[in-house]
Amino acid sequence: MHSRQFLSLYGSIFFLFSGYGLFLNSAGVKLTQMGVSNITIGVLNAAFFIGGTISAIVSHRIISRVGHIRSFSVFGSLFAMAALAHLMVEQLWLWGILRAVLGFCHYSLLMVVESWFTARSVPQTRAKILAFYEVVYYASSATSVLLLSLNMSSNNIFTLAAILVITATLPVGLTKMQQPDIPKRERISLPHVLSILPLAWMSCFMAGIFINGFFTMGSVFMLRLGYTLPKVSLFLGSAMVGGFTIQLFIAWLSNTFGRARTIFGCAAVAAIAAITGMILLVSLPGNIWAQCAIALAIGCSGFPLYALGLARANDVLPTNMNTVEVNRCLLFVYGLGSLVAPLIMGTLMQLFNHFGFYSVYAIIATILAIYAFMQPSVPLTERSIYVPVSGNVGPMTAELDPRNNEATDTPFDAHSAEQHILHSQQESEEETHQSKP
């Protein structure tokens, strides 16, 4: 399965995520050193995800028109140009435009590579491809955090991020694989999907706030506390370790007790960790290990929420229904969470100083825990498999989901899905009523 051709794609993704992570984490460092307010930093970080949203709408048209290899080279070059342009301008409104360009290019580059994975995979290998994709994502993210710890100047960080993304274009530019086609998308009603999958979309939305809120504003939070860059990277890395190592345990929990109960457990742990973090800011000020322990807990509890949301959606929908477009809708919702996260965090950090960062996690985790606790669990016989996948992927990842089989699954139908969910809820209520004495 992992031929040289696949390894070249994994290599491109590794360098791409490394450059992306380095830039995403270091931009807050540079802005903090410039004395920019937390609210402005939040707005500028949100611009990156605005560009990502635009990419989901228009980039597939560009790729279909000029081809994958040319598109990858163009997007990679444009990313590097926008990254280096930060060194030449100091006007913050220009930084906002440049960050939107970076977000557009990053997610467009992911679409190019993932469409190759989709075209060259078969249902029997998709789970392995997706699993290795996750390993590469966490390894590259850890690399970017490690590079941040080297305490380089902000100019060198931006330059290195550009170099890493340009390096990502080399394996794709030299590949001998035939360029695949971009599959046509079905148009489905996003509000309708959200109305019949409330716990799924809420989990994915909260996951966007958890993960990308952490990596856009976490460095700002730590720098405001007076920590050095090596300690900032230790804080960020602790969350990465938690998110990566907990996946197998979360899979076992969700397969055993159901997605709703596991989402409740994760949200409850995150809420307790955030509240504890605020207490530690008072009781143990300046203790880096206390903060790293909180970051580890947030990584363990918050990072799996996107995969749990997808699993919940696949559980409640009919087993023979293709959910690729549903998964794309949930990825879009995750992106919206990523977009609003730095805006909310920047505002609360400006209003409540150091306590604003953890207060966001305490509030949203509590809301999610209460809602998940009220939701019924899906019977064991109707549960799909749990697939560990990060939300920081491109829209083509939905095609790799091993829970879908285009050859046998029927296309998504909102009316049929809604009827199936209502019928399942009625059966669950009847069983609960019969079990009461």
Protein backbone atom coordinates (compact mmCIF):
# COMPACT_ATOMS: atom_id res chain seq x y z
CA MET A 1 0.00 0.00 0.00
CA HIS A 2 2.74 2.46 0.94
CA SER A 3 4.48 2.56 -2.41
CA ARG A 4 7.06 5.20 -3.27
CA GLN A 5 4.29 7.20 -4.86
CA PHE A 6 2.27 7.28 -1.63
CA LEU A 7 5.41 8.07 0.36
CA SER A 8 6.01 11.11 -1.85
CA LEU A 9 2.51 12.35 -1.02
CA TYR A 10 3.04 11.73 2.68
CA GLY A 11 6.32 13.64 2.40
CA SER A 12 4.54 16.60 0.86
CA ILE A 13 1.92 16.58 3.61
CA PHE A 14 4.62 16.38 6.29
CA PHE A 15 6.42 19.49 5.03
CA LEU A 16 3.13 21.27 4.37
CA PHE A 17 1.78 20.69 7.90
CA SER A 18 5.17 21.55 9.40
CA GLY A 19 5.22 24.91 7.63
CA TYR A 20 1.56 25.52 8.40
CA GLY A 21 1.97 24.69 12.09
CA LEU A 22 5.11 26.77 12.46
CA PHE A 23 3.48 29.79 10.91
CA LEU A 24 0.18 29.40 12.77
CA ASN A 25 1.91 29.15 16.15
CA SER A 26 4.56 31.80 15.50
CA ALA A 27 2.25 34.49 14.11
CA GLY A 28 0.85 35.04 17.59
CA VAL A 29 4.40 35.29 18.92
CA LYS A 30 5.33 38.01 16.43
CA LEU A 31 2.13 39.99 17.02
CA THR A 32 2.56 39.78 20.80
CA GLN A 33 6.12 41.07 20.50
CA MET A 34 4.76 43.94 18.40
CA GLY A 35 2.43 44.88 21.27
CA VAL A 36 -0.77 44.14 19.34
CA SER A 37 -3.94 43.73 21.43
CA ASN A 38 -5.45 40.27 21.98
CA ILE A 39 -8.60 41.20 20.07
CA THR A 40 -6.59 42.27 17.01
CA ILE A 41 -4.51 39.08 17.18
CA GLY A 42 -7.73 37.07 17.27
CA VAL A 43 -9.09 38.87 14.21
CA LEU A 44 -5.86 38.34 12.25
CA ASN A 45 -5.79 34.64 13.17
CA ALA A 46 -9.41 34.28 12.10
CA ALA A 47 -8.47 35.65 8.65
CA PHE A 48 -6.53 32.43 8.01
CA PHE A 49 -9.69 30.35 8.33
CA ILE A 50 -11.67 32.80 6.22
CA GLY A 51 -9.21 31.98 3.45
CA GLY A 52 -9.74 28.28 4.16
CA THR A 53 -13.50 28.72 3.75
CA ILE A 54 -13.00 30.45 0.39
CA SER A 55 -10.73 27.57 -0.66
CA ALA A 56 -13.47 25.02 -0.01
CA ILE A 57 -15.70 26.94 -2.42
CA VAL A 58 -13.46 27.82 -5.37
CA SER A 59 -10.16 25.88 -5.30
CA HIS A 60 -11.56 22.70 -6.88
CA ARG A 61 -12.44 24.75 -9.97
CA ILE A 62 -8.86 25.93 -10.32
CA ILE A 63 -7.48 22.41 -9.85
CA SER A 64 -9.90 20.94 -12.40
CA ARG A 65 -8.93 23.60 -14.92
CA VAL A 66 -5.11 23.55 -14.78
CA GLY A 67 -4.32 20.16 -13.21
CA HIS A 68 -3.01 18.95 -9.88
CA ILE A 69 0.74 19.41 -10.31
CA ARG A 70 0.47 22.95 -11.68
CA SER A 71 -2.07 23.86 -9.01
CA PHE A 72 0.15 22.51 -6.24
CA SER A 73 3.12 24.51 -7.51
CA VAL A 74 1.05 27.69 -7.81
CA PHE A 75 -0.55 27.35 -4.36
CA GLY A 76 2.80 26.48 -2.77
CA SER A 77 4.54 29.44 -4.37
CA LEU A 78 1.71 31.78 -3.37
CA PHE A 79 1.88 30.50 0.23
CA ALA A 80 5.62 31.20 0.37
CA MET A 81 5.17 34.66 -1.13
CA ALA A 82 2.47 35.57 1.40
CA ALA A 83 4.56 34.23 4.30
CA LEU A 84 7.65 36.21 3.28
CA ALA A 85 5.57 39.32 2.59
CA HIS A 86 4.90 39.53 6.33
CA LEU A 87 8.53 40.60 6.70
CA MET A 88 8.05 43.57 4.39
CA VAL A 89 4.88 45.14 5.76
CA GLU A 90 3.76 46.24 9.22
CA GLN A 91 0.22 47.40 8.43
CA LEU A 92 -2.08 45.01 10.24
CA TRP A 93 -4.83 45.17 7.60
CA LEU A 94 -2.29 43.89 5.07
CA TRP A 95 -1.39 41.10 7.49
CA GLY A 96 -5.06 40.14 7.53
CA ILE A 97 -5.12 39.86 3.73
CA LEU A 98 -1.88 37.87 3.69
CA ARG A 99 -3.19 35.45 6.31
CA ALA A 100 -6.36 34.92 4.30
CA VAL A 101 -4.16 34.08 1.30
CA LEU A 102 -2.20 31.61 3.46
CA GLY A 103 -5.38 29.89 4.57
CA PHE A 104 -6.64 29.65 1.01
CA CYS A 105 -3.37 28.15 -0.22
CA HIS A 106 -2.98 25.70 2.66
CA TYR A 107 -6.39 24.09 2.26
CA SER A 108 -6.09 24.13 -1.53
CA LEU A 109 -2.77 22.25 -1.26
CA LEU A 110 -4.44 19.68 0.98
CA MET A 111 -7.20 19.20 -1.58
CA VAL A 112 -4.65 18.44 -4.30
CA VAL A 113 -2.82 15.77 -2.28
CA GLU A 114 -5.95 14.19 -0.80
CA SER A 115 -7.56 13.81 -4.21
CA TRP A 116 -4.57 11.66 -5.18
CA PHE A 117 -5.04 9.50 -2.11
CA THR A 118 -8.70 9.12 -2.96
CA ALA A 119 -8.08 8.19 -6.58
CA ARG A 120 -5.35 5.63 -5.77
CA SER A 121 -7.04 3.96 -2.81
CA VAL A 122 -9.51 1.11 -2.62
CA PRO A 123 -12.02 0.51 0.20
CA GLN A 124 -9.75 -2.15 1.75
CA THR A 125 -6.83 0.26 2.18
CA ARG A 126 -8.55 3.52 3.09
CA ALA A 127 -8.46 2.92 6.84
CA LYS A 128 -4.68 2.36 6.73
CA ILE A 129 -4.12 5.38 4.49
CA LEU A 130 -6.19 7.59 6.78
CA ALA A 131 -4.46 6.24 9.90
CA PHE A 132 -1.01 6.92 8.45
CA TYR A 133 -2.24 10.35 7.38
CA GLU A 134 -3.06 11.06 11.04
CA VAL A 135 0.40 9.91 12.15
CA VAL A 136 2.02 12.24 9.61
CA TYR A 137 -0.21 15.11 10.77
CA TYR A 138 0.77 14.73 14.42
CA ALA A 139 4.46 14.15 13.58
CA SER A 140 4.61 17.30 11.44
CA SER A 141 2.70 19.33 14.03
CA ALA A 142 5.14 18.15 16.71
CA THR A 143 8.02 19.14 14.41
CA SER A 144 6.62 22.66 14.03
CA VAL A 145 6.31 22.99 17.82
CA LEU A 146 9.89 21.73 18.21
CA LEU A 147 11.15 24.29 15.68
CA LEU A 148 9.35 27.01 17.61
CA SER A 149 11.32 26.04 20.72
CA LEU A 150 14.62 26.92 19.00
CA ASN A 151 13.95 30.56 19.88
CA MET A 152 14.62 31.85 16.40
CA SER A 153 13.82 35.41 15.42
CA SER A 154 10.36 35.96 13.95
CA ASN A 155 11.91 36.79 10.58
CA ASN A 156 13.74 33.45 10.51
CA ILE A 157 10.56 31.62 11.57
CA PHE A 158 8.56 33.11 8.69
CA THR A 159 11.37 32.30 6.27
CA LEU A 160 11.63 28.71 7.50
CA ALA A 161 7.85 28.25 7.22
CA ALA A 162 8.04 29.40 3.59
CA ILE A 163 10.95 27.02 2.92
CA LEU A 164 9.04 24.07 4.38
CA VAL A 165 5.98 24.72 2.20
CA ILE A 166 8.13 25.15 -0.92
CA THR A 167 9.82 21.84 -0.03
CA ALA A 168 6.36 20.26 0.03
CA THR A 169 5.97 21.03 -3.68
CA LEU A 170 9.03 18.98 -4.65
CA PRO A 171 7.70 15.41 -4.09
CA VAL A 172 4.46 16.24 -5.89
CA GLY A 173 6.29 17.97 -8.72
CA LEU A 174 8.46 14.88 -9.27
CA THR A 175 5.72 12.26 -8.93
CA LYS A 176 4.96 9.97 -11.85
CA MET A 177 1.36 9.38 -10.80
CA GLN A 178 -1.36 10.24 -13.26
CA GLN A 179 -3.42 13.22 -12.20
CA PRO A 180 -6.85 12.18 -10.85
CA ASP A 181 -10.17 13.86 -11.42
CA ILE A 182 -11.85 15.97 -8.77
CA PRO A 183 -15.13 14.17 -7.98
CA LYS A 184 -18.32 16.13 -8.43
CA ARG A 185 -20.02 17.30 -5.29
CA GLU A 186 -23.63 16.88 -4.37
CA ARG A 187 -25.46 19.89 -3.09
CA ILE A 188 -27.18 19.20 0.19
CA SER A 189 -28.86 21.52 2.66
CA LEU A 190 -26.45 22.41 5.44
CA PRO A 191 -29.24 23.62 7.81
CA HIS A 192 -31.15 20.37 7.20
CA VAL A 193 -28.09 18.27 7.99
CA LEU A 194 -27.46 20.25 11.16
CA SER A 195 -31.06 19.90 12.32
CA ILE A 196 -31.03 16.09 12.13
CA LEU A 197 -27.48 15.69 13.52
CA PRO A 198 -27.36 18.19 16.41
CA LEU A 199 -24.83 16.39 18.64
CA ALA A 200 -22.55 15.62 15.68
CA TRP A 201 -22.34 19.21 14.44
CA MET A 202 -22.03 20.63 17.96
CA SER A 203 -19.09 18.30 18.68
CA CYS A 204 -17.36 19.25 15.43
CA PHE A 205 -17.95 22.96 16.01
CA MET A 206 -16.57 22.75 19.54
CA ALA A 207 -13.60 20.72 18.26
CA GLY A 208 -12.69 23.60 15.93
CA ILE A 209 -12.68 25.96 18.90
CA PHE A 210 -10.69 23.52 21.04
CA ILE A 211 -7.96 22.69 18.56
CA ASN A 212 -7.40 25.79 16.47
CA GLY A 213 -8.24 28.12 19.32
CA PHE A 214 -5.44 26.44 21.22
CA PHE A 215 -2.87 26.72 18.44
CA THR A 216 -3.74 30.27 17.39
CA MET A 217 -4.02 31.83 20.85
CA GLY A 218 -2.13 29.41 23.12
CA SER A 219 1.24 31.00 22.35
CA VAL A 220 -0.22 34.47 23.00
CA PHE A 221 -1.62 33.26 26.34
CA MET A 222 1.72 31.84 27.46
CA LEU A 223 3.74 34.85 26.33
CA ARG A 224 1.39 37.16 28.24
CA LEU A 225 2.17 35.06 31.33
CA GLY A 226 5.87 35.81 30.80
CA TYR A 227 7.07 32.42 29.56
CA THR A 228 9.92 32.02 27.04
CA LEU A 229 9.48 30.44 23.61
CA PRO A 230 10.92 27.04 24.64
CA LYS A 231 8.33 26.86 27.44
CA VAL A 232 5.60 28.00 25.06
CA SER A 233 6.49 25.11 22.73
CA LEU A 234 6.46 22.72 25.70
CA PHE A 235 2.91 23.89 26.51
CA LEU A 236 1.73 23.43 22.91
CA GLY A 237 3.53 20.10 22.58
CA SER A 238 1.83 18.75 25.70
CA ALA A 239 -1.56 19.16 24.03
CA MET A 240 -0.28 17.44 20.88
CA VAL A 241 0.97 14.47 22.92
CA GLY A 242 -2.38 14.19 24.66
CA GLY A 243 -4.36 14.34 21.42
CA PHE A 244 -2.22 11.68 19.74
CA THR A 245 -1.83 9.16 22.57
CA ILE A 246 -5.50 9.15 23.64
CA GLN A 247 -6.94 8.04 20.29
CA LEU A 248 -6.95 4.27 20.87
CA PHE A 249 -8.47 4.68 24.33
CA ILE A 250 -11.17 7.01 22.94
CA ALA A 251 -11.92 4.45 20.23
CA TRP A 252 -12.43 1.75 22.87
CA LEU A 253 -14.55 4.03 25.06
CA SER A 254 -16.81 5.18 22.23
CA ASN A 255 -17.24 1.68 20.81
CA THR A 256 -18.10 0.34 24.27
CA PHE A 257 -20.23 3.08 25.82
CA GLY A 258 -21.40 4.98 22.74
CA ARG A 259 -20.46 8.33 21.21
CA ALA A 260 -22.85 10.45 23.30
CA ARG A 261 -21.46 9.16 26.60
CA THR A 262 -17.87 9.51 25.38
CA ILE A 263 -18.49 13.06 24.16
CA PHE A 264 -19.99 13.82 27.58
CA GLY A 265 -16.91 12.37 29.30
CA CYS A 266 -14.47 14.29 27.11
CA ALA A 267 -16.36 17.56 27.57
CA ALA A 268 -16.60 17.04 31.34
CA VAL A 269 -12.85 16.40 31.60
CA ALA A 270 -12.13 19.48 29.48
CA ALA A 271 -14.38 21.67 31.64
CA ILE A 272 -12.73 20.43 34.84
CA ALA A 273 -9.26 20.93 33.31
CA ALA A 274 -10.07 24.50 32.25
CA ILE A 275 -11.47 25.43 35.66
CA THR A 276 -8.44 23.84 37.32
CA GLY A 277 -6.20 25.81 34.96
CA MET A 278 -7.73 29.08 36.18
CA ILE A 279 -7.21 28.02 39.79
CA LEU A 280 -3.57 27.14 39.08
CA LEU A 281 -2.99 30.58 37.60
CA VAL A 282 -3.62 31.91 41.11
CA SER A 283 -2.27 29.10 43.32
CA LEU A 284 0.82 28.17 41.26
CA PRO A 285 1.72 31.24 39.18
CA GLY A 286 4.75 30.73 36.98
CA ASN A 287 4.70 26.92 37.25
CA ILE A 288 5.19 25.66 33.68
CA TRP A 289 4.54 22.03 34.57
CA ALA A 290 1.14 22.85 36.02
CA GLN A 291 0.20 24.57 32.76
CA CYS A 292 1.55 21.66 30.71
CA ALA A 293 -0.60 19.25 32.72
CA ILE A 294 -3.67 21.32 31.85
CA ALA A 295 -2.63 21.40 28.17
CA LEU A 296 -2.23 17.61 28.22
CA ALA A 297 -5.74 17.21 29.66
CA ILE A 298 -7.21 19.59 27.06
CA GLY A 299 -5.45 17.67 24.29
CA CYS A 300 -6.75 14.34 25.57
CA SER A 301 -10.33 15.56 25.93
CA GLY A 302 -10.77 18.17 23.21
CA PHE A 303 -8.80 16.87 20.25
CA PRO A 304 -10.89 13.66 19.70
CA LEU A 305 -14.19 15.60 19.55
CA TYR A 306 -14.17 15.95 15.75
CA ALA A 307 -13.74 12.21 15.19
CA LEU A 308 -16.45 11.54 17.78
CA GLY A 309 -18.79 13.93 15.97
CA LEU A 310 -18.23 12.11 12.67
CA ALA A 311 -18.78 8.76 14.37
CA ARG A 312 -22.03 10.01 15.91
CA ALA A 313 -23.29 11.15 12.49
CA ASN A 314 -22.45 7.79 10.92
CA ASP A 315 -24.16 5.97 13.82
CA VAL A 316 -27.53 7.66 13.54
CA LEU A 317 -27.77 7.63 9.73
CA PRO A 318 -28.85 4.48 7.85
CA THR A 319 -25.99 2.00 7.54
CA ASN A 320 -26.22 1.79 3.74
CA MET A 321 -26.28 5.54 3.17
CA ASN A 322 -23.21 7.33 1.79
CA THR A 323 -22.18 10.10 4.18
CA VAL A 324 -19.32 11.75 2.24
CA GLU A 325 -21.27 14.99 1.80
CA VAL A 326 -22.42 14.88 5.42
CA ASN A 327 -18.79 14.56 6.49
CA ARG A 328 -17.93 17.58 4.34
CA CYS A 329 -20.71 19.55 6.01
CA LEU A 330 -19.31 18.64 9.43
CA LEU A 331 -15.80 19.61 8.29
CA PHE A 332 -17.22 22.97 7.21
CA VAL A 333 -18.78 23.35 10.67
CA TYR A 334 -15.39 22.50 12.21
CA GLY A 335 -13.90 25.27 10.07
CA LEU A 336 -16.49 27.72 11.38
CA GLY A 337 -15.48 26.79 14.92
CA SER A 338 -11.85 27.37 13.97
CA LEU A 339 -12.78 30.77 12.55
CA VAL A 340 -14.66 32.05 15.60
CA ALA A 341 -12.21 30.57 18.14
CA PRO A 342 -9.51 33.28 17.95
CA LEU A 343 -12.19 35.99 17.83
CA ILE A 344 -13.83 34.74 21.03
CA MET A 345 -10.56 34.00 22.79
CA GLY A 346 -8.96 37.30 21.80
CA THR A 347 -11.97 39.21 23.13
CA LEU A 348 -12.18 37.35 26.46
CA MET A 349 -8.39 37.47 26.93
CA GLN A 350 -8.57 41.23 26.46
CA LEU A 351 -11.44 41.55 28.96
CA PHE A 352 -10.35 39.05 31.61
CA ASN A 353 -6.59 38.95 31.03
CA HIS A 354 -5.02 35.50 31.63
CA PHE A 355 -8.29 33.91 32.77
CA GLY A 356 -9.94 34.58 29.40
CA PHE A 357 -8.10 31.74 27.65
CA TYR A 358 -9.27 28.96 29.95
CA SER A 359 -12.72 30.49 30.45
CA VAL A 360 -13.57 29.80 26.80
CA TYR A 361 -12.84 26.11 27.28
CA ALA A 362 -14.73 25.99 30.58
CA ILE A 363 -17.86 27.53 29.03
CA ILE A 364 -18.04 25.60 25.76
CA ALA A 365 -17.07 22.28 27.37
CA THR A 366 -19.78 22.67 30.00
CA ILE A 367 -22.40 23.43 27.33
CA LEU A 368 -21.34 20.41 25.29
CA ALA A 369 -21.27 18.11 28.34
CA ILE A 370 -24.81 19.08 29.36
CA TYR A 371 -26.17 18.62 25.85
CA ALA A 372 -24.38 15.29 25.26
CA PHE A 373 -25.65 13.95 28.59
CA MET A 374 -29.23 14.60 27.44
CA GLN A 375 -28.79 12.66 24.18
CA PRO A 376 -29.64 8.94 23.88
CA SER A 377 -26.95 6.43 23.00
CA VAL A 378 -27.14 4.47 19.77
CA PRO A 379 -27.51 0.70 20.32
CA LEU A 380 -24.30 -1.28 19.91
CA THR A 381 -25.63 -3.14 16.85
CA GLU A 382 -26.21 0.12 14.97
CA ARG A 383 -22.86 1.78 15.67
CA SER A 384 -20.36 2.38 12.91
CA ILE A 385 -16.61 1.98 13.37
CA TYR A 386 -14.69 4.79 15.03
CA VAL A 387 -12.17 6.45 12.70
CA PRO A 388 -9.56 8.70 14.35
CA VAL A 389 -9.24 11.75 12.14
CA SER A 390 -8.26 15.35 12.81
CA GLY A 391 -10.39 18.23 11.62
CA ASN A 392 -7.28 19.97 10.27
CA VAL A 393 -7.53 18.18 6.95
CA GLY A 394 -8.86 19.01 3.52
CA PRO A 395 -12.37 18.38 2.19
CA MET A 396 -11.26 15.35 0.16
CA THR A 397 -10.57 13.35 3.32
CA ALA A 398 -14.26 12.46 3.44
CA GLU A 399 -13.69 10.30 0.37
CA LEU A 400 -11.12 8.26 2.31
CA ASP A 401 -13.49 7.47 5.17
CA PRO A 402 -13.69 3.65 5.28
CA ARG A 403 -17.27 3.89 6.55
CA ASN A 404 -18.34 4.82 3.01
CA ASN A 405 -18.45 2.57 -0.01
CA GLU A 406 -19.63 4.30 -3.15
CA ALA A 407 -20.11 0.99 -4.92
CA THR A 408 -22.81 -0.23 -2.53
CA ASP A 409 -24.03 2.75 -0.52
CA THR A 410 -27.06 4.75 -1.59
CA PRO A 411 -26.61 8.52 -1.99
CA PHE A 412 -27.44 10.71 0.97
CA ASP A 413 -31.13 11.55 1.18
CA ALA A 414 -32.20 14.01 3.85
CA HIS A 415 -35.81 12.78 4.05
CA SER A 416 -34.82 9.13 4.43
CA ALA A 417 -32.19 10.04 7.00
CA GLU A 418 -34.68 12.07 9.02
CA GLN A 419 -37.26 9.27 8.97
CA HIS A 420 -34.64 6.74 10.07
CA ILE A 421 -33.55 8.93 12.99
CA LEU A 422 -37.14 9.55 14.12
CA HIS A 423 -37.91 5.82 13.96
CA SER A 424 -34.79 5.00 15.98
CA GLN A 425 -35.70 7.60 18.61
CA GLN A 426 -39.21 6.20 18.91
CA GLU A 427 -37.87 2.68 19.39
CA SER A 428 -35.43 3.93 22.02
CA GLU A 429 -38.23 5.71 23.91
CA GLU A 430 -40.42 2.60 23.79
CA GLU A 431 -37.61 0.41 25.16
CA THR A 432 -36.99 2.92 27.95
CA HIS A 433 -40.70 3.00 28.81
CA GLN A 434 -40.96 -0.80 28.83
CA SER A 435 -37.91 -1.15 31.07
CA LYS A 436 -39.52 1.01 33.77
CA PRO A 437 -41.41 -0.96 36.48
